């Protein structure tokens, strides 16, 4: 089913920003993505969006919002910066009412209430300063949250998809991959943004695992201890979690001389389960 809207028919984002005297707020981690070719590619990466519910956080002037609506999505956009509401509001009529705008802080909103219990994909060019806490919030989300297609700073994206054994592998990789299969889709160069950030960005696609681990809070606790002193052996690093670190490691079938970056997803799951059984 085609929705019959073409973002090329709208005023350019640059013209809109100039007309409203709007510039990026670095304090809010804002860098505008004005290239519709890139925003359309993000929308395509998320799959078939025609008639699908989408949650978008930090739409700013609406570059990605235009591409999502053009692809046929029903979009709920959460924007903290009220300066952008006059740029977003015309998109409601343009899309025949398929856009809902919420002027609020995404870290604080109740997504299930906003979406009225409906399941939604999450597709966002995330503000740099809240990308990681938002990801962790959504990893813990209930039935409302579908697959996620998210833009992060490149180094954060690399940490999300990292595998054991490398410097990028840490808490974020373990927590994310406990719930989702994570794939870095493509790099967005810094020059694509206005103003350009100091580093490139990357699009990460996160799809729910069939064997998703349920106890993310426990996993947060053990990974905080394990990676808090990542160069130490686990028998030392885990003492901040429990004085019985070696007993915990034995229950999890992990070598006490191993280091956190050597432990795979299955190992951390066993460690979280051992900690849960001892903490009960």
C-alpha atoms as a PDB file:
ATOM      1  CA  UNK A   1       0.000   0.000   0.000  1.00  0.00           C
ATOM      2  CA  UNK A   2       1.527   3.305  -1.021  1.00  0.00           C
ATOM      3  CA  UNK A   3       1.011   6.342   1.139  1.00  0.00           C
ATOM      4  CA  UNK A   4       1.422   8.834  -1.696  1.00  0.00           C
ATOM      5  CA  UNK A   5       3.766  11.275   0.046  1.00  0.00           C
ATOM      6  CA  UNK A   6       7.145  12.368  -1.260  1.00  0.00           C
ATOM      7  CA  UNK A   7       9.535  14.241   1.000  1.00  0.00           C
ATOM      8  CA  UNK A   8      11.056  15.951  -2.040  1.00  0.00           C
ATOM      9  CA  UNK A   9       7.855  18.008  -2.223  1.00  0.00           C
ATOM     10  CA  UNK A  10       8.568  19.629   1.161  1.00  0.00           C
ATOM     11  CA  UNK A  11      10.733  22.690   1.804  1.00  0.00           C
ATOM     12  CA  UNK A  12      14.354  21.656   2.402  1.00  0.00           C
ATOM     13  CA  UNK A  13      15.438  21.166   5.994  1.00  0.00           C
ATOM     14  CA  UNK A  14      18.156  23.773   5.601  1.00  0.00           C
ATOM     15  CA  UNK A  15      15.601  26.343   4.383  1.00  0.00           C
ATOM     16  CA  UNK A  16      13.286  25.453   7.271  1.00  0.00           C
ATOM     17  CA  UNK A  17      16.051  25.851   9.846  1.00  0.00           C
ATOM     18  CA  UNK A  18      17.075  29.197   8.396  1.00  0.00           C
ATOM     19  CA  UNK A  19      13.479  30.420   8.193  1.00  0.00           C
ATOM     20  CA  UNK A  20      12.927  29.643  11.878  1.00  0.00           C
ATOM     21  CA  UNK A  21      16.354  30.812  13.028  1.00  0.00           C
ATOM     22  CA  UNK A  22      17.177  27.430  14.530  1.00  0.00           C
ATOM     23  CA  UNK A  23      20.625  26.058  15.190  1.00  0.00           C
ATOM     24  CA  UNK A  24      21.815  22.903  16.871  1.00  0.00           C
ATOM     25  CA  UNK A  25      22.097  22.937  20.661  1.00  0.00           C
ATOM     26  CA  UNK A  26      25.368  21.206  21.548  1.00  0.00           C
ATOM     27  CA  UNK A  27      24.215  20.921  25.156  1.00  0.00           C
ATOM     28  CA  UNK A  28      21.469  18.593  23.949  1.00  0.00           C
ATOM     29  CA  UNK A  29      23.849  16.599  21.759  1.00  0.00           C
ATOM     30  CA  UNK A  30      22.231  17.870  18.559  1.00  0.00           C
ATOM     31  CA  UNK A  31      23.764  17.433  15.122  1.00  0.00           C
ATOM     32  CA  UNK A  32      21.312  17.737  12.241  1.00  0.00           C
ATOM     33  CA  UNK A  33      21.192  15.109   9.512  1.00  0.00           C
ATOM     34  CA  UNK A  34      19.854  17.052   6.533  1.00  0.00           C
ATOM     35  CA  UNK A  35      20.659  14.588   3.733  1.00  0.00           C
ATOM     36  CA  UNK A  36      17.419  12.864   2.722  1.00  0.00           C
ATOM     37  CA  UNK A  37      19.374  10.163   0.894  1.00  0.00           C
ATOM     38  CA  UNK A  38      20.880   9.060   4.209  1.00  0.00           C
ATOM     39  CA  UNK A  39      17.636   9.308   6.181  1.00  0.00           C
ATOM     40  CA  UNK A  40      15.888   7.251   3.498  1.00  0.00           C
ATOM     41  CA  UNK A  41      18.643   4.654   3.767  1.00  0.00           C
ATOM     42  CA  UNK A  42      18.066   4.453   7.528  1.00  0.00           C
ATOM     43  CA  UNK A  43      14.362   3.910   6.920  1.00  0.00           C
ATOM     44  CA  UNK A  44      15.114   1.157   4.380  1.00  0.00           C
ATOM     45  CA  UNK A  45      17.508  -0.510   6.810  1.00  0.00           C
ATOM     46  CA  UNK A  46      14.637  -0.868   9.263  1.00  0.00           C
ATOM     47  CA  UNK A  47      12.685  -2.988   6.773  1.00  0.00           C
ATOM     48  CA  UNK A  48       9.147  -2.615   5.441  1.00  0.00           C
ATOM     49  CA  UNK A  49       7.560   0.231   7.429  1.00  0.00           C
ATOM     50  CA  UNK A  50       4.299   0.583   5.524  1.00  0.00           C
ATOM     51  CA  UNK A  51       1.541   0.735   8.146  1.00  0.00           C
ATOM     52  CA  UNK A  52       4.006  -0.036  10.975  1.00  0.00           C
ATOM     53  CA  UNK A  53       4.175   1.807  14.303  1.00  0.00           C
ATOM     54  CA  UNK A  54       7.489   3.570  14.905  1.00  0.00           C
ATOM     55  CA  UNK A  55       8.860   5.381  17.939  1.00  0.00           C
ATOM     56  CA  UNK A  56      11.370   8.086  17.028  1.00  0.00           C
ATOM     57  CA  UNK A  57      13.358   9.976  19.669  1.00  0.00           C
ATOM     58  CA  UNK A  58      15.037  13.312  19.020  1.00  0.00           C
ATOM     59  CA  UNK A  59      13.620  14.075  15.562  1.00  0.00           C
ATOM     60  CA  UNK A  60      14.936  17.642  15.669  1.00  0.00           C
ATOM     61  CA  UNK A  61      13.932  19.396  12.436  1.00  0.00           C
ATOM     62  CA  UNK A  62      12.438  16.153  11.096  1.00  0.00           C
ATOM     63  CA  UNK A  63      14.867  14.744   8.546  1.00  0.00           C
ATOM     64  CA  UNK A  64      14.439  11.120   9.579  1.00  0.00           C
ATOM     65  CA  UNK A  65      10.773  11.761  10.408  1.00  0.00           C
ATOM     66  CA  UNK A  66      10.136  12.721   6.777  1.00  0.00           C
ATOM     67  CA  UNK A  67      11.776   9.525   5.538  1.00  0.00           C
ATOM     68  CA  UNK A  68       9.813   7.347   7.990  1.00  0.00           C
ATOM     69  CA  UNK A  69       6.500   8.942   6.995  1.00  0.00           C
ATOM     70  CA  UNK A  70       7.397   8.689   3.334  1.00  0.00           C
ATOM     71  CA  UNK A  71       7.956   4.945   3.898  1.00  0.00           C
ATOM     72  CA  UNK A  72       4.400   4.658   5.239  1.00  0.00           C
ATOM     73  CA  UNK A  73       5.108   4.461   8.978  1.00  0.00           C
ATOM     74  CA  UNK A  74       2.817   5.631  11.778  1.00  0.00           C
ATOM     75  CA  UNK A  75       5.291   7.699  13.803  1.00  0.00           C
ATOM     76  CA  UNK A  76       5.283   8.771  17.448  1.00  0.00           C
ATOM     77  CA  UNK A  77       8.085  11.349  17.740  1.00  0.00           C
ATOM     78  CA  UNK A  78       9.416  12.377  21.164  1.00  0.00           C
ATOM     79  CA  UNK A  79      11.233  15.734  21.032  1.00  0.00           C
ATOM     80  CA  UNK A  80      12.559  17.478  24.135  1.00  0.00           C
ATOM     81  CA  UNK A  81      13.464  20.741  22.380  1.00  0.00           C
ATOM     82  CA  UNK A  82      10.238  22.694  21.802  1.00  0.00           C
ATOM     83  CA  UNK A  83      11.974  24.928  19.230  1.00  0.00           C
ATOM     84  CA  UNK A  84      11.451  22.191  16.649  1.00  0.00           C
ATOM     85  CA  UNK A  85       7.720  21.749  17.084  1.00  0.00           C
ATOM     86  CA  UNK A  86       6.854  24.365  14.385  1.00  0.00           C
ATOM     87  CA  UNK A  87       8.986  22.387  11.894  1.00  0.00           C
ATOM     88  CA  UNK A  88       7.453  19.039  12.840  1.00  0.00           C
ATOM     89  CA  UNK A  89       3.803  20.038  13.104  1.00  0.00           C
ATOM     90  CA  UNK A  90       3.247  20.603   9.333  1.00  0.00           C
ATOM     91  CA  UNK A  91       4.240  16.967   8.800  1.00  0.00           C
ATOM     92  CA  UNK A  92       1.048  15.854  10.555  1.00  0.00           C
ATOM     93  CA  UNK A  93      -1.229  17.127   7.779  1.00  0.00           C
ATOM     94  CA  UNK A  94       1.304  16.188   5.068  1.00  0.00           C
ATOM     95  CA  UNK A  95       1.208  12.565   6.258  1.00  0.00           C
ATOM     96  CA  UNK A  96      -2.570  12.435   6.717  1.00  0.00           C
ATOM     97  CA  UNK A  97      -2.259  12.327  10.494  1.00  0.00           C
ATOM     98  CA  UNK A  98       0.321   9.554  10.719  1.00  0.00           C
ATOM     99  CA  UNK A  99       2.575  11.633  13.007  1.00  0.00           C
ATOM    100  CA  UNK A 100       2.086  12.185  16.732  1.00  0.00           C
ATOM    101  CA  UNK A 101       4.475  14.659  18.395  1.00  0.00           C
ATOM    102  CA  UNK A 102       5.293  14.424  22.095  1.00  0.00           C
ATOM    103  CA  UNK A 103       7.234  17.308  23.664  1.00  0.00           C
ATOM    104  CA  UNK A 104       8.975  15.455  26.488  1.00  0.00           C
ATOM    105  CA  UNK A 105      12.213  13.908  27.743  1.00  0.00           C
ATOM    106  CA  UNK A 106      12.617  10.429  26.246  1.00  0.00           C
ATOM    107  CA  UNK A 107      14.432   9.213  29.346  1.00  0.00           C
ATOM    108  CA  UNK A 108      11.340   9.948  31.405  1.00  0.00           C
ATOM    109  CA  UNK A 109       8.422   9.019  29.140  1.00  0.00           C
ATOM    110  CA  UNK A 110       6.323   5.885  29.504  1.00  0.00           C
ATOM    111  CA  UNK A 111       6.544   4.462  26.008  1.00  0.00           C
ATOM    112  CA  UNK A 112       3.876   1.809  26.585  1.00  0.00           C
ATOM    113  CA  UNK A 113       1.401   4.558  27.542  1.00  0.00           C
ATOM    114  CA  UNK A 114       2.389   6.718  24.552  1.00  0.00           C
ATOM    115  CA  UNK A 115       1.897   3.804  22.195  1.00  0.00           C
ATOM    116  CA  UNK A 116      -1.313   2.709  23.940  1.00  0.00           C
ATOM    117  CA  UNK A 117       0.018  -0.795  24.335  1.00  0.00           C
ATOM    118  CA  UNK A 118       0.788  -1.266  20.650  1.00  0.00           C
ATOM    119  CA  UNK A 119       4.091  -2.756  19.545  1.00  0.00           C
ATOM    120  CA  UNK A 120       6.457  -0.373  17.770  1.00  0.00           C
ATOM    121  CA  UNK A 121       9.845  -0.420  16.122  1.00  0.00           C
ATOM    122  CA  UNK A 122      12.316   2.108  17.493  1.00  0.00           C
ATOM    123  CA  UNK A 123      14.100   4.091  14.775  1.00  0.00           C
ATOM    124  CA  UNK A 124      16.123   7.112  15.850  1.00  0.00           C
ATOM    125  CA  UNK A 125      19.103   9.306  15.214  1.00  0.00           C
ATOM    126  CA  UNK A 126      19.808   9.445  18.944  1.00  0.00           C
ATOM    127  CA  UNK A 127      21.124  12.568  20.665  1.00  0.00           C
ATOM    128  CA  UNK A 128      24.722  11.720  21.526  1.00  0.00           C
ATOM    129  CA  UNK A 129      24.433  12.558  25.213  1.00  0.00           C
ATOM    130  CA  UNK A 130      21.568  10.139  25.953  1.00  0.00           C
ATOM    131  CA  UNK A 131      22.093   7.345  23.419  1.00  0.00           C
ATOM    132  CA  UNK A 132      23.504   4.757  25.825  1.00  0.00           C
ATOM    133  CA  UNK A 133      20.994   5.241  28.686  1.00  0.00           C
ATOM    134  CA  UNK A 134      18.128   5.157  26.181  1.00  0.00           C
ATOM    135  CA  UNK A 135      19.422   1.913  24.716  1.00  0.00           C
ATOM    136  CA  UNK A 136      19.622   0.296  28.158  1.00  0.00           C
ATOM    137  CA  UNK A 137      16.114   1.549  28.960  1.00  0.00           C
ATOM    138  CA  UNK A 138      14.753  -0.002  25.765  1.00  0.00           C
ATOM    139  CA  UNK A 139      16.618  -3.273  26.285  1.00  0.00           C
ATOM    140  CA  UNK A 140      14.602  -3.621  29.495  1.00  0.00           C
ATOM    141  CA  UNK A 141      11.334  -2.648  27.812  1.00  0.00           C
ATOM    142  CA  UNK A 142       8.244  -4.795  27.751  1.00  0.00           C
ATOM    143  CA  UNK A 143       6.112  -6.076  24.906  1.00  0.00           C
ATOM    144  CA  UNK A 144       5.696  -2.648  23.281  1.00  0.00           C
ATOM    145  CA  UNK A 145       9.273  -2.593  21.940  1.00  0.00           C
ATOM    146  CA  UNK A 146      10.008  -4.160  18.564  1.00  0.00           C
ATOM    147  CA  UNK A 147      13.245  -4.161  16.582  1.00  0.00           C
ATOM    148  CA  UNK A 148      15.520  -1.129  16.850  1.00  0.00           C
ATOM    149  CA  UNK A 149      17.434   0.758  14.162  1.00  0.00           C
ATOM    150  CA  UNK A 150      19.534   3.379  15.913  1.00  0.00           C
ATOM    151  CA  UNK A 151      22.286   5.851  15.158  1.00  0.00           C
ATOM    152  CA  UNK A 152      25.131   6.234  17.665  1.00  0.00           C
ATOM    153  CA  UNK A 153      28.579   7.717  17.651  1.00  0.00           C
ATOM    154  CA  UNK A 154      30.765   5.254  15.751  1.00  0.00           C
ATOM    155  CA  UNK A 155      32.784   4.210  18.797  1.00  0.00           C
ATOM    156  CA  UNK A 156      29.588   3.526  20.774  1.00  0.00           C
ATOM    157  CA  UNK A 157      28.204   1.477  17.881  1.00  0.00           C
ATOM    158  CA  UNK A 158      31.419  -0.547  17.809  1.00  0.00           C
ATOM    159  CA  UNK A 159      31.081  -1.229  21.527  1.00  0.00           C
ATOM    160  CA  UNK A 160      27.475  -2.408  21.057  1.00  0.00           C
ATOM    161  CA  UNK A 161      28.374  -5.021  18.413  1.00  0.00           C
ATOM    162  CA  UNK A 162      31.768  -6.030  19.869  1.00  0.00           C
ATOM    163  CA  UNK A 163      32.722  -9.656  20.479  1.00  0.00           C
ATOM    164  CA  UNK A 164      34.864 -11.067  23.311  1.00  0.00           C
ATOM    165  CA  UNK A 165      38.601 -10.510  23.172  1.00  0.00           C
ATOM    166  CA  UNK A 166      38.799  -6.918  21.901  1.00  0.00           C
ATOM    167  CA  UNK A 167      39.139  -3.567  23.629  1.00  0.00           C
ATOM    168  CA  UNK A 168      35.660  -2.507  22.455  1.00  0.00           C
ATOM    169  CA  UNK A 169      34.026  -5.467  24.230  1.00  0.00           C
ATOM    170  CA  UNK A 170      32.453  -4.465  27.524  1.00  0.00           C
ATOM    171  CA  UNK A 171      29.256  -4.022  29.484  1.00  0.00           C
ATOM    172  CA  UNK A 172      27.331  -2.463  26.622  1.00  0.00           C
ATOM    173  CA  UNK A 173      28.019  -5.406  24.305  1.00  0.00           C
ATOM    174  CA  UNK A 174      27.070  -7.966  26.949  1.00  0.00           C
ATOM    175  CA  UNK A 175      23.844  -6.199  27.942  1.00  0.00           C
ATOM    176  CA  UNK A 176      22.749  -5.507  24.359  1.00  0.00           C
ATOM    177  CA  UNK A 177      23.537  -8.963  23.058  1.00  0.00           C
ATOM    178  CA  UNK A 178      21.735 -10.566  25.998  1.00  0.00           C
ATOM    179  CA  UNK A 179      18.505  -9.332  24.421  1.00  0.00           C
ATOM    180  CA  UNK A 180      19.285  -8.622  20.771  1.00  0.00           C
ATOM    181  CA  UNK A 181      21.307  -9.700  17.791  1.00  0.00           C
ATOM    182  CA  UNK A 182      23.358  -6.600  16.976  1.00  0.00           C
ATOM    183  CA  UNK A 183      24.731  -5.629  13.582  1.00  0.00           C
ATOM    184  CA  UNK A 184      26.517  -2.469  12.480  1.00  0.00           C
ATOM    185  CA  UNK A 185      24.856  -1.609   9.166  1.00  0.00           C
ATOM    186  CA  UNK A 186      26.744   1.400   7.812  1.00  0.00           C
ATOM    187  CA  UNK A 187      28.859   4.397   8.748  1.00  0.00           C
ATOM    188  CA  UNK A 188      27.574   7.968   8.462  1.00  0.00           C
ATOM    189  CA  UNK A 189      30.513  10.390   8.046  1.00  0.00           C
ATOM    190  CA  UNK A 190      30.745  13.470  10.238  1.00  0.00           C
ATOM    191  CA  UNK A 191      30.489  15.742   7.194  1.00  0.00           C
ATOM    192  CA  UNK A 192      26.905  14.531   6.658  1.00  0.00           C
ATOM    193  CA  UNK A 193      25.784  16.501   9.732  1.00  0.00           C
ATOM    194  CA  UNK A 194      25.222  20.177  10.444  1.00  0.00           C
ATOM    195  CA  UNK A 195      27.202  21.126  12.443  1.00  0.00           C
ATOM    196  CA  UNK A 196      29.609  18.210  11.866  1.00  0.00           C
ATOM    197  CA  UNK A 197      30.526  16.338  15.060  1.00  0.00           C
ATOM    198  CA  UNK A 198      34.133  15.419  15.772  1.00  0.00           C
ATOM    199  CA  UNK A 199      33.647  11.757  14.883  1.00  0.00           C
ATOM    200  CA  UNK A 200      31.584   9.655  12.496  1.00  0.00           C
ATOM    201  CA  UNK A 201      28.341   7.938  13.413  1.00  0.00           C
ATOM    202  CA  UNK A 202      26.997   4.484  12.633  1.00  0.00           C
ATOM    203  CA  UNK A 203      23.654   2.774  12.205  1.00  0.00           C
ATOM    204  CA  UNK A 204      23.087  -0.305  14.354  1.00  0.00           C
ATOM    205  CA  UNK A 205      20.264  -2.781  13.752  1.00  0.00           C
ATOM    206  CA  UNK A 206      19.028  -4.664  16.822  1.00  0.00           C
ATOM    207  CA  UNK A 207      16.635  -7.592  16.460  1.00  0.00           C
ATOM    208  CA  UNK A 208      15.239  -9.581  19.384  1.00  0.00           C
ATOM    209  CA  UNK A 209      16.953 -12.872  20.162  1.00  0.00           C
ATOM    210  CA  UNK A 210      14.834 -15.991  20.478  1.00  0.00           C
ATOM    211  CA  UNK A 211      16.849 -16.857  23.613  1.00  0.00           C
ATOM    212  CA  UNK A 212      16.809 -13.366  25.139  1.00  0.00           C
ATOM    213  CA  UNK A 213      18.080 -13.312  28.734  1.00  0.00           C
ATOM    214  CA  UNK A 214      15.381 -12.188  31.141  1.00  0.00           C
ATOM    215  CA  UNK A 215      17.367 -10.883  34.116  1.00  0.00           C
ATOM    216  CA  UNK A 216      19.101  -7.806  32.752  1.00  0.00           C
ATOM    217  CA  UNK A 217      19.340  -6.169  36.198  1.00  0.00           C
ATOM    218  CA  UNK A 218      21.475  -9.076  37.434  1.00  0.00           C
ATOM    219  CA  UNK A 219      23.588  -8.904  34.298  1.00  0.00           C
ATOM    220  CA  UNK A 220      24.112  -5.182  34.901  1.00  0.00           C
ATOM    221  CA  UNK A 221      25.402  -5.889  38.405  1.00  0.00           C
ATOM    222  CA  UNK A 222      27.909  -8.562  37.436  1.00  0.00           C
ATOM    223  CA  UNK A 223      29.177  -6.747  34.347  1.00  0.00           C
ATOM    224  CA  UNK A 224      29.623  -3.513  36.325  1.00  0.00           C
ATOM    225  CA  UNK A 225      31.922  -5.361  38.700  1.00  0.00           C
ATOM    226  CA  UNK A 226      33.691  -7.450  36.058  1.00  0.00           C
ATOM    227  CA  UNK A 227      34.452  -4.585  33.694  1.00  0.00           C
ATOM    228  CA  UNK A 228      34.900  -1.973  36.435  1.00  0.00           C
ATOM    229  CA  UNK A 229      38.470  -3.209  36.769  1.00  0.00           C
ATOM    230  CA  UNK A 230      38.755  -4.977  33.446  1.00  0.00           C
ATOM    231  CA  UNK A 231      42.518  -5.535  33.569  1.00  0.00           C
ATOM    232  CA  UNK A 232      42.201  -7.477  36.815  1.00  0.00           C
ATOM    233  CA  UNK A 233      41.452 -11.176  37.042  1.00  0.00           C
ATOM    234  CA  UNK A 234      37.802 -11.895  37.774  1.00  0.00           C
ATOM    235  CA  UNK A 235      38.566 -13.245  41.249  1.00  0.00           C
ATOM    236  CA  UNK A 236      39.785  -9.744  42.133  1.00  0.00           C
ATOM    237  CA  UNK A 237      37.392  -7.668  40.028  1.00  0.00           C
ATOM    238  CA  UNK A 238      34.296  -9.394  41.434  1.00  0.00           C
ATOM    239  CA  UNK A 239      35.202  -8.657  45.057  1.00  0.00           C
ATOM    240  CA  UNK A 240      33.299  -5.376  44.677  1.00  0.00           C
ATOM    241  CA  UNK A 241      30.225  -7.541  44.049  1.00  0.00           C
ATOM    242  CA  UNK A 242      30.741 -10.228  46.670  1.00  0.00           C
ATOM    243  CA  UNK A 243      33.458 -11.412  49.084  1.00  0.00           C
ATOM    244  CA  UNK A 244      32.743 -14.929  47.789  1.00  0.00           C
ATOM    245  CA  UNK A 245      33.992 -14.168  44.274  1.00  0.00           C
ATOM    246  CA  UNK A 246      35.779 -17.480  43.771  1.00  0.00           C
ATOM    247  CA  UNK A 247      32.722 -19.455  44.869  1.00  0.00           C
ATOM    248  CA  UNK A 248      30.596 -17.471  42.422  1.00  0.00           C
ATOM    249  CA  UNK A 249      33.064 -18.150  39.610  1.00  0.00           C
ATOM    250  CA  UNK A 250      33.124 -21.865  40.391  1.00  0.00           C
ATOM    251  CA  UNK A 251      29.328 -21.992  40.238  1.00  0.00           C
ATOM    252  CA  UNK A 252      29.459 -20.215  36.875  1.00  0.00           C
ATOM    253  CA  UNK A 253      32.196 -22.561  35.632  1.00  0.00           C
ATOM    254  CA  UNK A 254      34.537 -19.653  34.937  1.00  0.00           C
ATOM    255  CA  UNK A 255      38.276 -19.582  35.592  1.00  0.00           C
ATOM    256  CA  UNK A 256      39.132 -17.216  38.482  1.00  0.00           C
ATOM    257  CA  UNK A 257      42.188 -16.048  36.530  1.00  0.00           C
ATOM    258  CA  UNK A 258      40.124 -15.039  33.483  1.00  0.00           C
ATOM    259  CA  UNK A 259      39.503 -11.393  32.661  1.00  0.00           C
ATOM    260  CA  UNK A 260      36.168  -9.844  31.782  1.00  0.00           C
ATOM    261  CA  UNK A 261      36.919  -9.277  28.098  1.00  0.00           C
ATOM    262  CA  UNK A 262      37.497 -13.038  27.681  1.00  0.00           C
ATOM    263  CA  UNK A 263      34.017 -14.048  28.874  1.00  0.00           C
ATOM    264  CA  UNK A 264      31.335 -14.639  26.266  1.00  0.00           C
ATOM    265  CA  UNK A 265      27.579 -14.109  26.496  1.00  0.00           C
ATOM    266  CA  UNK A 266      26.935 -17.596  27.870  1.00  0.00           C
ATOM    267  CA  UNK A 267      29.578 -17.137  30.554  1.00  0.00           C
ATOM    268  CA  UNK A 268      28.120 -13.865  31.749  1.00  0.00           C
ATOM    269  CA  UNK A 269      24.643 -15.399  31.823  1.00  0.00           C
ATOM    270  CA  UNK A 270      25.933 -18.182  34.072  1.00  0.00           C
ATOM    271  CA  UNK A 271      27.632 -15.616  36.274  1.00  0.00           C
ATOM    272  CA  UNK A 272      24.435 -13.560  36.560  1.00  0.00           C
ATOM    273  CA  UNK A 273      22.454 -16.684  37.452  1.00  0.00           C
ATOM    274  CA  UNK A 274      25.011 -17.669  40.092  1.00  0.00           C
ATOM    275  CA  UNK A 275      24.846 -14.194  41.609  1.00  0.00           C
ATOM    276  CA  UNK A 276      21.039 -14.283  41.609  1.00  0.00           C
ATOM    277  CA  UNK A 277      20.942 -17.642  43.382  1.00  0.00           C
ATOM    278  CA  UNK A 278      23.383 -16.429  46.042  1.00  0.00           C
ATOM    279  CA  UNK A 279      21.644 -13.083  46.479  1.00  0.00           C
ATOM    280  CA  UNK A 280      18.214 -14.670  46.944  1.00  0.00           C
END
